[in-house]
C-alpha atoms as a PDB file:
ATOM      1  CA  ALA A   1     -45.207 -59.595  -7.488  1.00  0.00           C
ATOM      2  CA  ILE A   2     -42.378 -58.699  -5.083  1.00  0.00           C
ATOM      3  CA  SER A   3     -44.483 -59.990  -2.188  1.00  0.00           C
ATOM      4  CA  VAL A   4     -44.573 -63.377  -3.921  1.00  0.00           C
ATOM      5  CA  GLN A   5     -40.794 -63.468  -4.103  1.00  0.00           C
ATOM      6  CA  LEU A   6     -40.565 -62.667  -0.385  1.00  0.00           C
ATOM      7  CA  TRP A   7     -43.133 -65.357   0.394  1.00  0.00           C
ATOM      8  CA  ILE A   8     -41.155 -67.960  -1.556  1.00  0.00           C
ATOM      9  CA  GLU A   9     -38.035 -67.032   0.438  1.00  0.00           C
ATOM     10  CA  LYS A  10     -39.970 -67.386   3.717  1.00  0.00           C
ATOM     11  CA  ALA A  11     -41.368 -70.759   2.655  1.00  0.00           C
ATOM     12  CA  LEU A  12     -37.914 -72.047   1.723  1.00  0.00           C
ATOM     13  CA  ASP A  13     -36.510 -70.888   5.079  1.00  0.00           C
ATOM     14  CA  ASN A  14     -39.367 -72.762   6.733  1.00  0.00           C
ATOM     15  CA  HIS A  15     -38.362 -76.144   5.254  1.00  0.00           C
ATOM     16  CA  SER A  16     -40.371 -75.593   2.051  1.00  0.00           C
ATOM     17  CA  GLN A  17     -43.648 -75.112   3.916  1.00  0.00           C
ATOM     18  CA  GLY A  18     -45.749 -72.831   1.762  1.00  0.00           C
ATOM     19  CA  GLY A  19     -46.945 -72.440  -1.766  1.00  0.00           C
ATOM     20  CA  VAL A  20     -47.754 -69.990  -4.509  1.00  0.00           C
ATOM     21  CA  ALA A  21     -50.295 -70.450  -7.291  1.00  0.00           C
ATOM     22  CA  GLN A  22     -50.336 -68.233 -10.355  1.00  0.00           C
ATOM     23  CA  SER A  23     -53.018 -67.605 -12.946  1.00  0.00           C
ATOM     24  CA  ASP A  24     -53.304 -65.341 -15.948  1.00  0.00           C
ATOM     25  CA  VAL A  25     -56.584 -63.947 -17.254  1.00  0.00           C
ATOM     26  CA  GLN A  26     -56.815 -65.169 -20.844  1.00  0.00           C
ATOM     27  CA  THR A  27     -57.601 -62.551 -23.541  1.00  0.00           C
ATOM     28  CA  TYR A  28     -58.039 -59.989 -20.811  1.00  0.00           C
ATOM     29  CA  TYR A  29     -57.708 -56.647 -22.589  1.00  0.00           C
ATOM     30  CA  ASP A  30     -59.616 -57.888 -25.632  1.00  0.00           C
ATOM     31  CA  THR A  31     -62.813 -58.226 -23.624  1.00  0.00           C
ATOM     32  CA  ILE A  32     -62.725 -55.301 -21.196  1.00  0.00           C
ATOM     33  CA  GLN A  33     -65.953 -53.339 -21.362  1.00  0.00           C
ATOM     34  CA  THR A  34     -64.678 -49.809 -20.852  1.00  0.00           C
ATOM     35  CA  LEU A  35     -68.144 -48.270 -20.528  1.00  0.00           C
ATOM     36  CA  ARG A  36     -69.014 -50.739 -17.749  1.00  0.00           C
ATOM     37  CA  ILE A  37     -65.807 -49.840 -15.924  1.00  0.00           C
ATOM     38  CA  CYS A  38     -66.624 -46.132 -16.198  1.00  0.00           C
ATOM     39  CA  LYS A  39     -70.136 -46.696 -14.858  1.00  0.00           C
ATOM     40  CA  TRP A  40     -68.643 -48.669 -11.959  1.00  0.00           C
ATOM     41  CA  LEU A  41     -66.266 -45.784 -11.229  1.00  0.00           C
ATOM     42  CA  GLU A  42     -69.107 -43.237 -11.336  1.00  0.00           C
ATOM     43  CA  GLN A  43     -71.142 -45.304  -8.858  1.00  0.00           C
ATOM     44  CA  ARG A  44     -68.213 -45.008  -6.461  1.00  0.00           C
ATOM     45  CA  GLY A  45     -67.907 -41.230  -6.802  1.00  0.00           C
ATOM     46  CA  TYR A  46     -65.434 -40.898  -9.677  1.00  0.00           C
ATOM     47  CA  GLU A  47     -66.035 -37.696 -11.633  1.00  0.00           C
ATOM     48  CA  GLN A  48     -67.901 -38.038 -14.932  1.00  0.00           C
ATOM     49  CA  ARG A  49     -65.394 -35.880 -16.802  1.00  0.00           C
ATOM     50  CA  ASN A  50     -62.587 -38.281 -15.823  1.00  0.00           C
ATOM     51  CA  CYS A  51     -64.678 -41.237 -16.965  1.00  0.00           C
ATOM     52  CA  ALA A  52     -65.286 -39.455 -20.277  1.00  0.00           C
ATOM     53  CA  THR A  53     -61.535 -39.018 -20.642  1.00  0.00           C
ATOM     54  CA  ILE A  54     -60.964 -42.740 -20.083  1.00  0.00           C
ATOM     55  CA  LEU A  55     -63.568 -43.581 -22.702  1.00  0.00           C
ATOM     56  CA  ARG A  56     -62.103 -41.151 -25.233  1.00  0.00           C
ATOM     57  CA  LEU A  57     -58.555 -42.421 -24.745  1.00  0.00           C
ATOM     58  CA  GLN A  58     -59.646 -46.038 -25.120  1.00  0.00           C
ATOM     59  CA  MET A  59     -62.367 -45.884 -27.754  1.00  0.00           C
ATOM     60  CA  LEU A  60     -61.648 -42.992 -30.142  1.00  0.00           C
ATOM     61  CA  PRO A  61     -58.232 -43.850 -31.581  1.00  0.00           C
ATOM     62  CA  THR A  62     -58.368 -45.509 -34.980  1.00  0.00           C
ATOM     63  CA  ILE A  63     -56.595 -48.865 -34.999  1.00  0.00           C
ATOM     64  CA  LEU A  64     -54.800 -49.977 -38.179  1.00  0.00           C
ATOM     65  CA  LEU A  65     -54.009 -53.666 -38.616  1.00  0.00           C
ATOM     66  CA  HIS A  66     -51.442 -54.566 -41.248  1.00  0.00           C
ATOM     67  CA  ALA A  67     -51.143 -58.076 -42.683  1.00  0.00           C
ATOM     68  CA  GLY A  68     -48.789 -58.013 -45.640  1.00  0.00           C
ATOM     69  CA  PRO A  69     -50.242 -55.649 -48.231  1.00  0.00           C
ATOM     70  CA  ILE A  70     -53.642 -55.590 -46.522  1.00  0.00           C
ATOM     71  CA  GLU A  71     -54.579 -52.755 -44.154  1.00  0.00           C
ATOM     72  CA  ILE A  72     -57.699 -52.967 -42.013  1.00  0.00           C
ATOM     73  CA  LYS A  73     -59.015 -49.870 -40.248  1.00  0.00           C
ATOM     74  CA  ILE A  74     -60.974 -50.383 -37.021  1.00  0.00           C
ATOM     75  CA  VAL A  75     -63.035 -47.396 -35.894  1.00  0.00           C
ATOM     76  CA  HIS A  76     -65.873 -46.848 -33.425  1.00  0.00           C
ATOM     77  CA  ARG A  77     -64.837 -49.637 -31.103  1.00  0.00           C
ATOM     78  CA  SER A  78     -67.134 -50.367 -28.161  1.00  0.00           C
ATOM     79  CA  ARG A  79     -65.237 -53.221 -26.514  1.00  0.00           C
ATOM     80  CA  GLY A  80     -61.670 -54.137 -25.734  1.00  0.00           C
ATOM     81  CA  GLY A  81     -58.886 -52.037 -24.304  1.00  0.00           C
ATOM     82  CA  ILE A  82     -55.891 -50.690 -26.109  1.00  0.00           C
ATOM     83  CA  THR A  83     -52.966 -52.895 -25.139  1.00  0.00           C
ATOM     84  CA  GLY A  84     -49.256 -52.257 -25.039  1.00  0.00           C
ATOM     85  CA  SER A  85     -49.650 -48.857 -23.444  1.00  0.00           C
ATOM     86  CA  ARG A  86     -49.794 -47.417 -19.977  1.00  0.00           C
ATOM     87  CA  ILE A  87     -53.367 -46.292 -20.521  1.00  0.00           C
ATOM     88  CA  ALA A  88     -54.456 -49.922 -20.905  1.00  0.00           C
ATOM     89  CA  GLY A  89     -53.289 -50.799 -17.414  1.00  0.00           C
ATOM     90  CA  ALA A  90     -55.321 -48.267 -15.433  1.00  0.00           C
ATOM     91  CA  PRO A  91     -58.864 -49.332 -16.411  1.00  0.00           C
ATOM     92  CA  GLY A  92     -57.740 -52.952 -16.570  1.00  0.00           C
ATOM     93  CA  ARG A  93     -56.771 -52.924 -12.895  1.00  0.00           C
ATOM     94  CA  ILE A  94     -60.336 -52.182 -11.802  1.00  0.00           C
ATOM     95  CA  PRO A  95     -61.907 -55.615 -12.472  1.00  0.00           C
ATOM     96  CA  VAL A  96     -58.824 -57.365 -11.056  1.00  0.00           C
ATOM     97  CA  GLU A  97     -58.845 -55.353  -7.828  1.00  0.00           C
ATOM     98  CA  GLU A  98     -62.623 -55.577  -7.476  1.00  0.00           C
ATOM     99  CA  THR A  99     -62.412 -59.372  -7.766  1.00  0.00           C
ATOM    100  CA  MET A 100     -59.623 -59.494  -5.191  1.00  0.00           C
ATOM    101  CA  MET A 101     -61.585 -57.335  -2.739  1.00  0.00           C
ATOM    102  CA  SER A 102     -64.875 -59.187  -3.192  1.00  0.00           C
ATOM    103  CA  ARG A 103     -63.164 -62.563  -2.570  1.00  0.00           C
ATOM    104  CA  ALA A 104     -60.831 -61.386   0.217  1.00  0.00           C
ATOM    105  CA  HIS A 105     -62.940 -62.954   2.989  1.00  0.00           C
ATOM    106  CA  PHE A 106     -62.458 -66.381   1.402  1.00  0.00           C
ATOM    107  CA  TRP A 107     -58.788 -65.999   0.521  1.00  0.00           C
ATOM    108  CA  ARG A 108     -57.900 -64.824   4.051  1.00  0.00           C
ATOM    109  CA  THR A 109     -58.760 -68.284   5.352  1.00  0.00           C
ATOM    110  CA  LEU A 110     -56.146 -69.816   3.031  1.00  0.00           C
ATOM    111  CA  GLY A 111     -53.424 -67.169   3.073  1.00  0.00           C
ATOM    112  CA  GLY A 112     -49.870 -67.416   4.279  1.00  0.00           C
ATOM    113  CA  THR A 113     -49.282 -66.666   7.953  1.00  0.00           C
ATOM    114  CA  THR A 114     -46.712 -64.102   9.066  1.00  0.00           C
ATOM    115  CA  ILE A 115     -46.034 -62.583  12.476  1.00  0.00           C
ATOM    116  CA  ASP A 116     -48.064 -59.473  11.672  1.00  0.00           C
ATOM    117  CA  ALA A 117     -50.741 -60.546   9.195  1.00  0.00           C
ATOM    118  CA  LYS A 118     -51.961 -63.036   6.631  1.00  0.00           C
ATOM    119  CA  LEU A 119     -50.733 -62.620   3.078  1.00  0.00           C
ATOM    120  CA  THR A 120     -53.292 -63.782   0.562  1.00  0.00           C
ATOM    121  CA  MET A 121     -52.840 -62.392  -2.922  1.00  0.00           C
ATOM    122  CA  SER A 122     -50.678 -60.322  -5.155  1.00  0.00           C
ATOM    123  CA  SER A 123     -51.227 -59.216  -8.716  1.00  0.00           C
ATOM    124  CA  TYR A 124     -49.355 -57.844 -11.670  1.00  0.00           C
ATOM    125  CA  ILE A 125     -51.596 -56.476 -14.438  1.00  0.00           C
ATOM    126  CA  ASP A 126     -53.847 -59.495 -15.153  1.00  0.00           C
ATOM    127  CA  ASN A 127     -51.679 -62.091 -13.394  1.00  0.00           C
ATOM    128  CA  LEU A 128     -52.931 -63.247 -10.007  1.00  0.00           C
ATOM    129  CA  PHE A 129     -50.762 -64.911  -7.368  1.00  0.00           C
ATOM    130  CA  ASN A 130     -52.287 -66.767  -4.408  1.00  0.00           C
ATOM    131  CA  ILE A 131     -50.086 -67.301  -1.371  1.00  0.00           C
ATOM    132  CA  GLY A 132     -50.602 -70.054   1.207  1.00  0.00           C
ATOM    133  CA  ASP A 133     -48.999 -71.910   4.111  1.00  0.00           C
ATOM    134  CA  SER A 134     -49.101 -75.021   1.923  1.00  0.00           C
ATOM    135  CA  PRO A 135     -49.403 -75.764  -1.789  1.00  0.00           C
ATOM    136  CA  SER A 136     -53.043 -76.792  -1.296  1.00  0.00           C
ATOM    137  CA  ASN A 137     -53.834 -73.447   0.374  1.00  0.00           C
ATOM    138  CA  ALA A 138     -52.198 -71.425  -2.398  1.00  0.00           C
END
């Protein structure tokens, strides 16, 4: 997200020429399919034992929900990532980065121009920031 701040500064110095668009993936960690992410990692050479570790850390903990006097135990989950922890961020980055890479060819045509390169996107967890030379390109 720091690149976005720098881009805003550049756009303001350039008579407000430039734009940034931001989006947030709704209910992101609730719908992550951890097994699918692990299979994706394995296809790209990630060791199976590390994938098994990811699955164990995400799927095996028992979740207790408390609502007043009621306690609900959730076990044997097969979908959704644990949120509010550092472990949630690592597998959650994979779909975000894969989307960014697969769409990079398109976003490069709209990105913000600098002396050295085109800036196109930045992300923070499941928040995506598009950068452009104008608001319509962002």
